[in-house]
Amino acid sequence: MVRRTVARLENVIPLRHVWAVTNSEQASAVRSQLRGVPAAHILAEPVGRNTAAAIGLAAIHLVHVHGDALMAVLPSDAYIADVARYRRLVRAALKLAGEPGNLVVLGIPPTRPETGYGYIEMASTAVRAGGVTAFAVRRFTEKPAPPLARKYVASRKYLWNAGMFFWRASTFLVNLKRFLPATRASLDELTRAIGTRRYASSLRRIYPQLENISVDYAVMEPATRISGAASVHVIPAKVGWSDIGSWAAVYELLAAKPGANVSAGPSFTLDAEGNFLWSPQKFVAALGVRDLVVVDTPDALLVCSRDRSQDVAKIVKCLEESRRKQLL
């Protein structure tokens, strides 16, 4: 998926301008996957500090090497079906983001009332960039409860937040100083060590001090609330996106048609629709059930409704709290 994320940028961003932020444990593996990307462009966090810090780390390196560069912040866990349209939208987003002060995000038209994603409310104000329409963002909303998610989808005014952002490095750093001043100050200190022998030790000392918060909470949400803070736009991106972050998302990718049953192994279904049955070694029979996820592994069995598959995270939290590490 890391390789595909970079490949989708072909003819948009040269390999020599690609940067990746990862953790220290995976840095070597990421370097081996991204042949053609300069090794110095693989930035390794000594500890995880969420996306605001990771993007800030990339921004100070970009400014050091390229000056006030345009940034495309693209998660590596996304599946994109329509790559040609995706590239067109990325080019349009970069053009709009080229204007100082603009923060741009791609928004995914929702296909279901998903409770595991953030939502973006579009305003009626629109601008054109690169032949594409972008809307002003009224607000960001994080992971709504099911009734509210259904209301959002029905209104057609909301898009999923896929975490794909575009801005000038200076625009991001200005907003980071406005909304997360302590983190910006620490990054300024780290900036002075880039390219010196003390960089590695400075990174290990400074980075753990950065605030552990997502860029959505730290920058994007407050930017829409404070007049004059920034101009925030969203471009609807119907590109066949999935973050493959839940079993429901996997089902949508594999189902031949809506309501089809998907099975990883031998199965029999009767009066059953929309089920995802993952049991490669065992025969599965499903009778009279709808929209279930059943995942069988050697040490555990998951059964849940498809629309609750994001809540697997709650199971993980419970297992962590009960110290059942063998199941994690």
C-alpha atoms as a PDB file:
ATOM      1  CA  MET A   1       0.000   0.000   0.000  1.00  0.00           C
ATOM      2  CA  VAL A   2       2.935   2.336   0.628  1.00  0.00           C
ATOM      3  CA  ARG A   3       4.246   1.653  -2.873  1.00  0.00           C
ATOM      4  CA  ARG A   4       0.797   2.162  -4.398  1.00  0.00           C
ATOM      5  CA  THR A   5       0.357   5.468  -2.576  1.00  0.00           C
ATOM      6  CA  VAL A   6       3.530   6.766  -4.229  1.00  0.00           C
ATOM      7  CA  ALA A   7       2.706   5.194  -7.605  1.00  0.00           C
ATOM      8  CA  ARG A   8      -0.627   7.054  -7.674  1.00  0.00           C
ATOM      9  CA  LEU A   9       1.354  10.303  -7.650  1.00  0.00           C
ATOM     10  CA  GLU A  10       3.114   9.425 -10.904  1.00  0.00           C
ATOM     11  CA  ASN A  11       3.357  12.485 -13.176  1.00  0.00           C
ATOM     12  CA  VAL A  12       2.100  14.654 -10.300  1.00  0.00           C
ATOM     13  CA  ILE A  13       4.946  14.607  -7.755  1.00  0.00           C
ATOM     14  CA  PRO A  14       8.478  13.440  -8.719  1.00  0.00           C
ATOM     15  CA  LEU A  15      10.031  10.723  -6.554  1.00  0.00           C
ATOM     16  CA  ARG A  16      12.776  13.128  -5.494  1.00  0.00           C
ATOM     17  CA  HIS A  17      10.079  15.297  -3.876  1.00  0.00           C
ATOM     18  CA  VAL A  18       8.345  12.485  -1.992  1.00  0.00           C
ATOM     19  CA  TRP A  19       8.805  12.333   1.780  1.00  0.00           C
ATOM     20  CA  ALA A  20       7.510   9.686   4.188  1.00  0.00           C
ATOM     21  CA  VAL A  21       6.989   9.882   7.932  1.00  0.00           C
ATOM     22  CA  THR A  22       7.032   6.571   9.759  1.00  0.00           C
ATOM     23  CA  ASN A  23       8.203   5.156  13.084  1.00  0.00           C
ATOM     24  CA  SER A  24      11.755   4.132  13.876  1.00  0.00           C
ATOM     25  CA  GLU A  25      10.851   0.418  13.899  1.00  0.00           C
ATOM     26  CA  GLN A  26       9.544   0.541  10.321  1.00  0.00           C
ATOM     27  CA  ALA A  27      11.902   3.093   8.768  1.00  0.00           C
ATOM     28  CA  SER A  28      14.209   0.495   7.225  1.00  0.00           C
ATOM     29  CA  ALA A  29      11.290  -1.428   5.704  1.00  0.00           C
ATOM     30  CA  VAL A  30       9.768   1.766   4.303  1.00  0.00           C
ATOM     31  CA  ARG A  31      13.088   2.714   2.698  1.00  0.00           C
ATOM     32  CA  SER A  32      13.253  -0.684   1.021  1.00  0.00           C
ATOM     33  CA  GLN A  33       9.702  -0.293  -0.310  1.00  0.00           C
ATOM     34  CA  LEU A  34      10.195   3.217  -1.677  1.00  0.00           C
ATOM     35  CA  ARG A  35      13.009   2.702  -4.172  1.00  0.00           C
ATOM     36  CA  GLY A  36      13.777   5.980  -5.895  1.00  0.00           C
ATOM     37  CA  VAL A  37      12.769   8.108  -2.909  1.00  0.00           C
ATOM     38  CA  PRO A  38      15.901   9.617  -1.312  1.00  0.00           C
ATOM     39  CA  ALA A  39      16.788   7.760   1.882  1.00  0.00           C
ATOM     40  CA  ALA A  40      17.069  11.072   3.729  1.00  0.00           C
ATOM     41  CA  HIS A  41      13.382  11.704   2.924  1.00  0.00           C
ATOM     42  CA  ILE A  42      12.247   8.835   5.165  1.00  0.00           C
ATOM     43  CA  LEU A  43      11.651  10.574   8.485  1.00  0.00           C
ATOM     44  CA  ALA A  44      11.481   8.298  11.528  1.00  0.00           C
ATOM     45  CA  GLU A  45       9.571   9.325  14.642  1.00  0.00           C
ATOM     46  CA  PRO A  46      11.263   8.085  17.817  1.00  0.00           C
ATOM     47  CA  VAL A  47       7.781   7.856  19.399  1.00  0.00           C
ATOM     48  CA  GLY A  48       4.286   8.235  17.996  1.00  0.00           C
ATOM     49  CA  ARG A  49       2.763  11.672  18.510  1.00  0.00           C
ATOM     50  CA  ASN A  50      -0.221  11.553  16.130  1.00  0.00           C
ATOM     51  CA  THR A  51      -0.657  13.395  12.848  1.00  0.00           C
ATOM     52  CA  ALA A  52      -0.173  17.039  13.877  1.00  0.00           C
ATOM     53  CA  ALA A  53       3.359  16.315  15.039  1.00  0.00           C
ATOM     54  CA  ALA A  54       4.154  14.024  12.094  1.00  0.00           C
ATOM     55  CA  ILE A  55       3.023  16.629   9.568  1.00  0.00           C
ATOM     56  CA  GLY A  56       4.909  19.323  11.469  1.00  0.00           C
ATOM     57  CA  LEU A  57       8.069  17.210  11.289  1.00  0.00           C
ATOM     58  CA  ALA A  58       7.664  16.871   7.530  1.00  0.00           C
ATOM     59  CA  ALA A  59       6.924  20.592   7.150  1.00  0.00           C
ATOM     60  CA  ILE A  60      10.118  21.788   8.831  1.00  0.00           C
ATOM     61  CA  HIS A  61      12.186  19.425   6.676  1.00  0.00           C
ATOM     62  CA  LEU A  62      10.444  20.612   3.519  1.00  0.00           C
ATOM     63  CA  VAL A  63      11.110  24.241   4.386  1.00  0.00           C
ATOM     64  CA  HIS A  64      14.752  23.405   5.139  1.00  0.00           C
ATOM     65  CA  VAL A  65      15.267  21.662   1.785  1.00  0.00           C
ATOM     66  CA  HIS A  66      12.731  23.233  -0.600  1.00  0.00           C
ATOM     67  CA  GLY A  67      11.687  26.515   0.979  1.00  0.00           C
ATOM     68  CA  ASP A  68       7.949  27.275   1.132  1.00  0.00           C
ATOM     69  CA  ALA A  69       6.921  24.057  -0.613  1.00  0.00           C
ATOM     70  CA  LEU A  70       3.422  22.889  -1.437  1.00  0.00           C
ATOM     71  CA  MET A  71       2.485  19.909   0.716  1.00  0.00           C
ATOM     72  CA  ALA A  72       0.205  17.002  -0.135  1.00  0.00           C
ATOM     73  CA  VAL A  73      -0.432  14.986   3.035  1.00  0.00           C
ATOM     74  CA  LEU A  74      -1.549  11.511   1.930  1.00  0.00           C
ATOM     75  CA  PRO A  75      -2.079   8.530   4.262  1.00  0.00           C
ATOM     76  CA  SER A  76      -0.565   5.300   2.967  1.00  0.00           C
ATOM     77  CA  ASP A  77      -3.488   3.090   3.994  1.00  0.00           C
ATOM     78  CA  ALA A  78      -5.919   4.260   1.313  1.00  0.00           C
ATOM     79  CA  TYR A  79      -7.324   2.229  -1.564  1.00  0.00           C
ATOM     80  CA  ILE A  80      -8.252   4.303  -4.646  1.00  0.00           C
ATOM     81  CA  ALA A  81     -10.168   2.677  -7.504  1.00  0.00           C
ATOM     82  CA  ASP A  82     -10.260   5.614  -9.958  1.00  0.00           C
ATOM     83  CA  VAL A  83      -6.609   6.658 -10.078  1.00  0.00           C
ATOM     84  CA  ALA A  84      -6.955   8.943 -13.106  1.00  0.00           C
ATOM     85  CA  ARG A  85      -9.663  11.053 -11.445  1.00  0.00           C
ATOM     86  CA  TYR A  86      -7.718  11.016  -8.170  1.00  0.00           C
ATOM     87  CA  ARG A  87      -4.675  12.524  -9.913  1.00  0.00           C
ATOM     88  CA  ARG A  88      -6.843  15.215 -11.474  1.00  0.00           C
ATOM     89  CA  LEU A  89      -8.264  16.141  -8.073  1.00  0.00           C
ATOM     90  CA  VAL A  90      -4.806  16.163  -6.454  1.00  0.00           C
ATOM     91  CA  ARG A  91      -3.582  18.592  -9.105  1.00  0.00           C
ATOM     92  CA  ALA A  92      -6.620  20.819  -8.500  1.00  0.00           C
ATOM     93  CA  ALA A  93      -6.115  20.669  -4.735  1.00  0.00           C
ATOM     94  CA  LEU A  94      -2.459  21.656  -5.099  1.00  0.00           C
ATOM     95  CA  LYS A  95      -3.429  24.595  -7.306  1.00  0.00           C
ATOM     96  CA  LEU A  96      -5.952  25.841  -4.743  1.00  0.00           C
ATOM     97  CA  ALA A  97      -3.484  25.223  -1.907  1.00  0.00           C
ATOM     98  CA  GLY A  98      -0.898  27.327  -3.691  1.00  0.00           C
ATOM     99  CA  GLU A  99      -2.700  30.452  -2.520  1.00  0.00           C
ATOM    100  CA  PRO A 100      -1.179  31.443   0.854  1.00  0.00           C
ATOM    101  CA  GLY A 101      -3.597  30.846   3.714  1.00  0.00           C
ATOM    102  CA  ASN A 102      -5.597  28.102   2.002  1.00  0.00           C
ATOM    103  CA  LEU A 103      -6.116  24.716   3.673  1.00  0.00           C
ATOM    104  CA  VAL A 104      -7.599  22.107   1.330  1.00  0.00           C
ATOM    105  CA  VAL A 105      -8.960  18.627   2.025  1.00  0.00           C
ATOM    106  CA  LEU A 106     -10.381  15.910  -0.199  1.00  0.00           C
ATOM    107  CA  GLY A 107     -13.790  14.719   1.021  1.00  0.00           C
ATOM    108  CA  ILE A 108     -15.295  11.344   0.142  1.00  0.00           C
ATOM    109  CA  PRO A 109     -19.026  11.171  -0.697  1.00  0.00           C
ATOM    110  CA  PRO A 110     -20.376   8.766   1.940  1.00  0.00           C
ATOM    111  CA  THR A 111     -21.791   5.411   0.857  1.00  0.00           C
ATOM    112  CA  ARG A 112     -23.230   4.507   4.258  1.00  0.00           C
ATOM    113  CA  PRO A 113     -23.826   6.129   7.677  1.00  0.00           C
ATOM    114  CA  GLU A 114     -20.349   5.207   8.899  1.00  0.00           C
ATOM    115  CA  THR A 115     -19.613   6.016  12.552  1.00  0.00           C
ATOM    116  CA  GLY A 116     -15.881   5.366  12.366  1.00  0.00           C
ATOM    117  CA  TYR A 117     -14.971   8.317  10.130  1.00  0.00           C
ATOM    118  CA  GLY A 118     -14.900  12.052  10.637  1.00  0.00           C
ATOM    119  CA  TYR A 119     -17.315  14.133   8.552  1.00  0.00           C
ATOM    120  CA  ILE A 120     -16.879  17.458   6.749  1.00  0.00           C
ATOM    121  CA  GLU A 121     -19.860  19.805   6.397  1.00  0.00           C
ATOM    122  CA  MET A 122     -19.839  21.741   3.129  1.00  0.00           C
ATOM    123  CA  ALA A 123     -21.015  25.336   2.909  1.00  0.00           C
ATOM    124  CA  SER A 124     -22.747  26.672  -0.201  1.00  0.00           C
ATOM    125  CA  THR A 125     -19.817  28.928  -1.105  1.00  0.00           C
ATOM    126  CA  ALA A 126     -17.809  27.405  -3.944  1.00  0.00           C
ATOM    127  CA  VAL A 127     -14.697  28.212  -5.963  1.00  0.00           C
ATOM    128  CA  ARG A 128     -13.175  26.657  -9.074  1.00  0.00           C
ATOM    129  CA  ALA A 129      -9.597  25.393  -9.244  1.00  0.00           C
ATOM    130  CA  GLY A 130      -8.099  23.345 -12.041  1.00  0.00           C
ATOM    131  CA  GLY A 131     -11.538  22.710 -13.512  1.00  0.00           C
ATOM    132  CA  VAL A 132     -12.790  21.280 -10.209  1.00  0.00           C
ATOM    133  CA  THR A 133     -15.324  22.719  -7.742  1.00  0.00           C
ATOM    134  CA  ALA A 134     -14.247  23.196  -4.143  1.00  0.00           C
ATOM    135  CA  PHE A 135     -16.592  24.176  -1.321  1.00  0.00           C
ATOM    136  CA  ALA A 136     -15.911  26.183   1.786  1.00  0.00           C
ATOM    137  CA  VAL A 137     -15.870  24.001   4.902  1.00  0.00           C
ATOM    138  CA  ARG A 138     -18.441  24.888   7.528  1.00  0.00           C
ATOM    139  CA  ARG A 139     -17.105  22.501  10.159  1.00  0.00           C
ATOM    140  CA  PHE A 140     -15.467  19.158  10.880  1.00  0.00           C
ATOM    141  CA  THR A 141     -17.318  16.580  12.972  1.00  0.00           C
ATOM    142  CA  GLU A 142     -15.633  13.543  14.505  1.00  0.00           C
ATOM    143  CA  LYS A 143     -17.195  10.063  14.433  1.00  0.00           C
ATOM    144  CA  PRO A 144     -20.905  10.730  15.004  1.00  0.00           C
ATOM    145  CA  ALA A 145     -23.344   8.349  16.685  1.00  0.00           C
ATOM    146  CA  PRO A 146     -25.426   6.220  14.265  1.00  0.00           C
ATOM    147  CA  PRO A 147     -28.561   8.451  14.248  1.00  0.00           C
ATOM    148  CA  LEU A 148     -26.481  11.534  13.490  1.00  0.00           C
ATOM    149  CA  ALA A 149     -24.443   9.697  10.848  1.00  0.00           C
ATOM    150  CA  ARG A 150     -27.695   8.729   9.083  1.00  0.00           C
ATOM    151  CA  LYS A 151     -28.820  12.366   9.209  1.00  0.00           C
ATOM    152  CA  TYR A 152     -25.508  13.525   7.724  1.00  0.00           C
ATOM    153  CA  VAL A 153     -25.686  11.082   4.832  1.00  0.00           C
ATOM    154  CA  ALA A 154     -29.317  11.942   4.068  1.00  0.00           C
ATOM    155  CA  SER A 155     -28.573  15.692   3.973  1.00  0.00           C
ATOM    156  CA  ARG A 156     -25.971  15.341   1.161  1.00  0.00           C
ATOM    157  CA  LYS A 157     -24.075  18.191   2.803  1.00  0.00           C
ATOM    158  CA  TYR A 158     -21.440  16.030   4.440  1.00  0.00           C
ATOM    159  CA  LEU A 159     -18.376  14.176   3.167  1.00  0.00           C
ATOM    160  CA  TRP A 160     -16.081  11.701   4.861  1.00  0.00           C
ATOM    161  CA  ASN A 161     -12.747  13.076   6.011  1.00  0.00           C
ATOM    162  CA  ALA A 162     -10.138  10.814   4.392  1.00  0.00           C
ATOM    163  CA  GLY A 163      -7.189  12.672   5.920  1.00  0.00           C
ATOM    164  CA  MET A 164      -5.830  13.925   2.571  1.00  0.00           C
ATOM    165  CA  PHE A 165      -4.714  17.538   3.034  1.00  0.00           C
ATOM    166  CA  PHE A 166      -3.012  20.189   0.875  1.00  0.00           C
ATOM    167  CA  TRP A 167      -1.380  23.495   1.842  1.00  0.00           C
ATOM    168  CA  ARG A 168       1.811  25.490   1.700  1.00  0.00           C
ATOM    169  CA  ALA A 169       4.323  24.526   4.380  1.00  0.00           C
ATOM    170  CA  SER A 170       4.256  28.118   5.635  1.00  0.00           C
ATOM    171  CA  THR A 171       0.443  28.074   5.855  1.00  0.00           C
ATOM    172  CA  PHE A 172       0.497  24.935   7.972  1.00  0.00           C
ATOM    173  CA  LEU A 173       3.272  26.201  10.257  1.00  0.00           C
ATOM    174  CA  VAL A 174       1.505  29.543  10.767  1.00  0.00           C
ATOM    175  CA  ASN A 175      -1.652  27.724  11.839  1.00  0.00           C
ATOM    176  CA  LEU A 176       0.350  25.335  14.006  1.00  0.00           C
ATOM    177  CA  LYS A 177       1.797  28.355  15.820  1.00  0.00           C
ATOM    178  CA  ARG A 178      -1.712  29.805  16.228  1.00  0.00           C
ATOM    179  CA  PHE A 179      -3.383  26.666  17.567  1.00  0.00           C
ATOM    180  CA  LEU A 180      -0.518  24.537  18.932  1.00  0.00           C
ATOM    181  CA  PRO A 181       2.165  27.044  19.945  1.00  0.00           C
ATOM    182  CA  ALA A 182       4.148  24.732  22.227  1.00  0.00           C
ATOM    183  CA  THR A 183       4.535  22.136  19.488  1.00  0.00           C
ATOM    184  CA  ARG A 184       5.531  24.802  16.964  1.00  0.00           C
ATOM    185  CA  ALA A 185       8.156  26.173  19.384  1.00  0.00           C
ATOM    186  CA  SER A 186       9.628  22.694  19.889  1.00  0.00           C
ATOM    187  CA  LEU A 187       9.722  22.124  16.133  1.00  0.00           C
ATOM    188  CA  ASP A 188      11.498  25.469  15.692  1.00  0.00           C
ATOM    189  CA  GLU A 189      14.166  24.225  18.100  1.00  0.00           C
ATOM    190  CA  LEU A 190      14.461  20.981  16.155  1.00  0.00           C
ATOM    191  CA  THR A 191      14.718  22.922  12.883  1.00  0.00           C
ATOM    192  CA  ARG A 192      18.015  24.419  14.017  1.00  0.00           C
ATOM    193  CA  ALA A 193      19.487  20.921  14.291  1.00  0.00           C
ATOM    194  CA  ILE A 194      18.502  19.699  10.794  1.00  0.00           C
ATOM    195  CA  GLY A 195      21.595  18.884   8.773  1.00  0.00           C
ATOM    196  CA  THR A 196      23.887  18.836  11.823  1.00  0.00           C
ATOM    197  CA  ARG A 197      25.427  16.013  13.820  1.00  0.00           C
ATOM    198  CA  ARG A 198      23.169  16.758  16.750  1.00  0.00           C
ATOM    199  CA  TYR A 199      19.943  16.179  14.792  1.00  0.00           C
ATOM    200  CA  ALA A 200      19.390  12.565  15.919  1.00  0.00           C
ATOM    201  CA  SER A 201      19.887  13.351  19.598  1.00  0.00           C
ATOM    202  CA  SER A 202      17.767  16.501  19.309  1.00  0.00           C
ATOM    203  CA  LEU A 203      14.958  14.513  17.685  1.00  0.00           C
ATOM    204  CA  ARG A 204      15.019  11.917  20.476  1.00  0.00           C
ATOM    205  CA  ARG A 205      14.933  14.669  23.095  1.00  0.00           C
ATOM    206  CA  ILE A 206      12.433  17.061  21.551  1.00  0.00           C
ATOM    207  CA  TYR A 207       9.936  14.883  19.703  1.00  0.00           C
ATOM    208  CA  PRO A 208       8.438  13.172  22.795  1.00  0.00           C
ATOM    209  CA  GLN A 209       7.569  16.669  24.090  1.00  0.00           C
ATOM    210  CA  LEU A 210       5.227  17.374  21.163  1.00  0.00           C
ATOM    211  CA  GLU A 211       1.513  17.288  21.865  1.00  0.00           C
ATOM    212  CA  ASN A 212      -0.180  14.005  20.993  1.00  0.00           C
ATOM    213  CA  ILE A 213      -3.118  15.198  18.890  1.00  0.00           C
ATOM    214  CA  SER A 214      -4.462  14.717  15.383  1.00  0.00           C
ATOM    215  CA  VAL A 215      -4.181  17.465  12.804  1.00  0.00           C
ATOM    216  CA  ASP A 216      -7.984  17.452  12.542  1.00  0.00           C
ATOM    217  CA  TYR A 217      -8.421  18.451  16.191  1.00  0.00           C
ATOM    218  CA  ALA A 218      -5.301  20.619  16.353  1.00  0.00           C
ATOM    219  CA  VAL A 219      -5.601  22.679  13.156  1.00  0.00           C
ATOM    220  CA  MET A 220      -8.496  21.909  10.828  1.00  0.00           C
ATOM    221  CA  GLU A 221     -11.367  22.172  13.305  1.00  0.00           C
ATOM    222  CA  PRO A 222     -10.253  25.414  14.995  1.00  0.00           C
ATOM    223  CA  ALA A 223      -9.406  26.946  11.597  1.00  0.00           C
ATOM    224  CA  THR A 224     -13.084  26.723  10.630  1.00  0.00           C
ATOM    225  CA  ARG A 225     -14.215  28.279  13.919  1.00  0.00           C
ATOM    226  CA  ILE A 226     -11.983  31.336  14.067  1.00  0.00           C
ATOM    227  CA  SER A 227     -12.667  34.125  11.598  1.00  0.00           C
ATOM    228  CA  GLY A 228      -9.635  34.941   9.476  1.00  0.00           C
ATOM    229  CA  ALA A 229      -7.575  32.018  10.768  1.00  0.00           C
ATOM    230  CA  ALA A 230      -7.472  30.285   7.397  1.00  0.00           C
ATOM    231  CA  SER A 231      -9.544  29.601   4.318  1.00  0.00           C
ATOM    232  CA  VAL A 232     -10.596  25.953   4.465  1.00  0.00           C
ATOM    233  CA  HIS A 233     -11.941  24.219   1.352  1.00  0.00           C
ATOM    234  CA  VAL A 234     -13.065  20.683   0.557  1.00  0.00           C
ATOM    235  CA  ILE A 235     -13.065  19.037  -2.866  1.00  0.00           C
ATOM    236  CA  PRO A 236     -15.575  16.176  -3.239  1.00  0.00           C
ATOM    237  CA  ALA A 237     -13.604  13.156  -4.382  1.00  0.00           C
ATOM    238  CA  LYS A 238     -15.643  10.296  -5.765  1.00  0.00           C
ATOM    239  CA  VAL A 239     -12.643   8.090  -6.530  1.00  0.00           C
ATOM    240  CA  GLY A 240     -13.590   4.692  -5.097  1.00  0.00           C
ATOM    241  CA  TRP A 241     -11.817   5.400  -1.803  1.00  0.00           C
ATOM    242  CA  SER A 242     -11.497   3.023   1.138  1.00  0.00           C
ATOM    243  CA  ASP A 243      -9.074   3.094   4.038  1.00  0.00           C
ATOM    244  CA  ILE A 244      -9.619  -0.663   4.484  1.00  0.00           C
ATOM    245  CA  GLY A 245      -9.812   0.177   8.165  1.00  0.00           C
ATOM    246  CA  SER A 246     -12.742  -2.068   9.043  1.00  0.00           C
ATOM    247  CA  TRP A 247     -14.239  -5.386   7.989  1.00  0.00           C
ATOM    248  CA  ALA A 248     -17.150  -3.433   6.508  1.00  0.00           C
ATOM    249  CA  ALA A 249     -14.697  -1.642   4.212  1.00  0.00           C
ATOM    250  CA  VAL A 250     -13.156  -4.963   3.170  1.00  0.00           C
ATOM    251  CA  TYR A 251     -16.646  -6.300   2.428  1.00  0.00           C
ATOM    252  CA  GLU A 252     -17.408  -3.322   0.177  1.00  0.00           C
ATOM    253  CA  LEU A 253     -14.227  -3.919  -1.806  1.00  0.00           C
ATOM    254  CA  LEU A 254     -14.872  -7.640  -2.290  1.00  0.00           C
ATOM    255  CA  ALA A 255     -18.653  -7.823  -2.725  1.00  0.00           C
ATOM    256  CA  ALA A 256     -19.608  -8.416  -6.365  1.00  0.00           C
ATOM    257  CA  LYS A 257     -22.841  -6.460  -5.838  1.00  0.00           C
ATOM    258  CA  PRO A 258     -24.807  -4.936  -2.938  1.00  0.00           C
ATOM    259  CA  GLY A 259     -26.219  -7.638  -0.709  1.00  0.00           C
ATOM    260  CA  ALA A 260     -23.827 -10.330  -1.920  1.00  0.00           C
ATOM    261  CA  ASN A 261     -22.278 -12.674   0.612  1.00  0.00           C
ATOM    262  CA  VAL A 262     -18.478 -12.720   0.742  1.00  0.00           C
ATOM    263  CA  SER A 263     -16.605 -15.771   1.997  1.00  0.00           C
ATOM    264  CA  ALA A 264     -12.901 -16.508   2.319  1.00  0.00           C
ATOM    265  CA  GLY A 265     -13.441 -20.263   2.218  1.00  0.00           C
ATOM    266  CA  PRO A 266     -16.075 -22.909   1.520  1.00  0.00           C
ATOM    267  CA  SER A 267     -19.544 -21.756   2.567  1.00  0.00           C
ATOM    268  CA  PHE A 268     -23.274 -22.264   2.158  1.00  0.00           C
ATOM    269  CA  THR A 269     -25.858 -19.517   2.553  1.00  0.00           C
ATOM    270  CA  LEU A 270     -29.649 -19.688   2.628  1.00  0.00           C
ATOM    271  CA  ASP A 271     -31.902 -16.648   2.993  1.00  0.00           C
ATOM    272  CA  ALA A 272     -28.755 -14.716   3.903  1.00  0.00           C
ATOM    273  CA  GLU A 273     -27.557 -11.386   2.473  1.00  0.00           C
ATOM    274  CA  GLY A 274     -24.697  -8.956   2.871  1.00  0.00           C
ATOM    275  CA  ASN A 275     -22.560 -11.159   5.112  1.00  0.00           C
ATOM    276  CA  PHE A 276     -18.770 -11.229   5.330  1.00  0.00           C
ATOM    277  CA  LEU A 277     -17.580 -14.693   6.361  1.00  0.00           C
ATOM    278  CA  TRP A 278     -13.834 -14.974   6.954  1.00  0.00           C
ATOM    279  CA  SER A 279     -12.896 -18.528   7.850  1.00  0.00           C
ATOM    280  CA  PRO A 280     -10.319 -19.834   5.355  1.00  0.00           C
ATOM    281  CA  GLN A 281     -10.001 -23.248   7.016  1.00  0.00           C
ATOM    282  CA  LYS A 282     -13.560 -24.065   8.092  1.00  0.00           C
ATOM    283  CA  PHE A 283     -16.809 -24.577   6.220  1.00  0.00           C
ATOM    284  CA  VAL A 284     -19.290 -21.832   7.131  1.00  0.00           C
ATOM    285  CA  ALA A 285     -23.068 -22.135   6.839  1.00  0.00           C
ATOM    286  CA  ALA A 286     -25.193 -18.998   7.242  1.00  0.00           C
ATOM    287  CA  LEU A 287     -28.970 -19.275   7.483  1.00  0.00           C
ATOM    288  CA  GLY A 288     -31.407 -16.379   7.653  1.00  0.00           C
ATOM    289  CA  VAL A 289     -28.892 -13.708   8.688  1.00  0.00           C
ATOM    290  CA  ARG A 290     -28.110 -10.326   7.156  1.00  0.00           C
ATOM    291  CA  ASP A 291     -25.180  -7.919   7.194  1.00  0.00           C
ATOM    292  CA  LEU A 292     -23.006  -9.896   9.606  1.00  0.00           C
ATOM    293  CA  VAL A 293     -19.235  -9.987   9.918  1.00  0.00           C
ATOM    294  CA  VAL A 294     -17.849 -13.343  11.064  1.00  0.00           C
ATOM    295  CA  VAL A 295     -14.061 -13.595  11.342  1.00  0.00           C
ATOM    296  CA  ASP A 296     -12.547 -16.858  12.531  1.00  0.00           C
ATOM    297  CA  THR A 297      -8.865 -17.086  13.517  1.00  0.00           C
ATOM    298  CA  PRO A 298      -7.035 -19.814  15.473  1.00  0.00           C
ATOM    299  CA  ASP A 299      -7.400 -18.014  18.808  1.00  0.00           C
ATOM    300  CA  ALA A 300     -10.532 -15.883  18.488  1.00  0.00           C
ATOM    301  CA  LEU A 301     -13.916 -15.519  16.823  1.00  0.00           C
ATOM    302  CA  LEU A 302     -15.492 -12.162  15.966  1.00  0.00           C
ATOM    303  CA  VAL A 303     -19.214 -11.836  15.289  1.00  0.00           C
ATOM    304  CA  CYS A 304     -20.730  -8.390  14.747  1.00  0.00           C
ATOM    305  CA  SER A 305     -23.105  -6.517  12.502  1.00  0.00           C
ATOM    306  CA  ARG A 306     -21.415  -4.848   9.537  1.00  0.00           C
ATOM    307  CA  ASP A 307     -22.483  -1.388  10.628  1.00  0.00           C
ATOM    308  CA  ARG A 308     -20.734  -1.902  13.982  1.00  0.00           C
ATOM    309  CA  SER A 309     -17.428  -3.176  12.593  1.00  0.00           C
ATOM    310  CA  GLN A 310     -15.611   0.037  13.555  1.00  0.00           C
ATOM    311  CA  ASP A 311     -16.394  -0.790  17.185  1.00  0.00           C
ATOM    312  CA  VAL A 312     -13.800  -3.566  17.073  1.00  0.00           C
ATOM    313  CA  ALA A 313     -11.544  -0.845  18.494  1.00  0.00           C
ATOM    314  CA  LYS A 314     -13.568  -1.041  21.711  1.00  0.00           C
ATOM    315  CA  ILE A 315     -12.776  -4.750  21.949  1.00  0.00           C
ATOM    316  CA  VAL A 316      -9.099  -3.981  21.473  1.00  0.00           C
ATOM    317  CA  LYS A 317      -9.244  -1.377  24.246  1.00  0.00           C
ATOM    318  CA  CYS A 318     -10.908  -3.885  26.577  1.00  0.00           C
ATOM    319  CA  LEU A 319      -8.232  -6.486  25.807  1.00  0.00           C
ATOM    320  CA  GLU A 320      -5.510  -3.920  26.452  1.00  0.00           C
ATOM    321  CA  GLU A 321      -7.038  -2.967  29.800  1.00  0.00           C
ATOM    322  CA  SER A 322      -7.336  -6.627  30.822  1.00  0.00           C
ATOM    323  CA  ARG A 323      -3.729  -7.246  29.658  1.00  0.00           C
ATOM    324  CA  ARG A 324      -4.650 -10.029  27.263  1.00  0.00           C
ATOM    325  CA  LYS A 325      -1.731  -9.201  25.013  1.00  0.00           C
ATOM    326  CA  GLN A 326      -1.757 -12.629  23.383  1.00  0.00           C
ATOM    327  CA  LEU A 327      -4.976 -11.623  21.605  1.00  0.00           C
ATOM    328  CA  LEU A 328      -3.640  -8.308  20.296  1.00  0.00           C
END
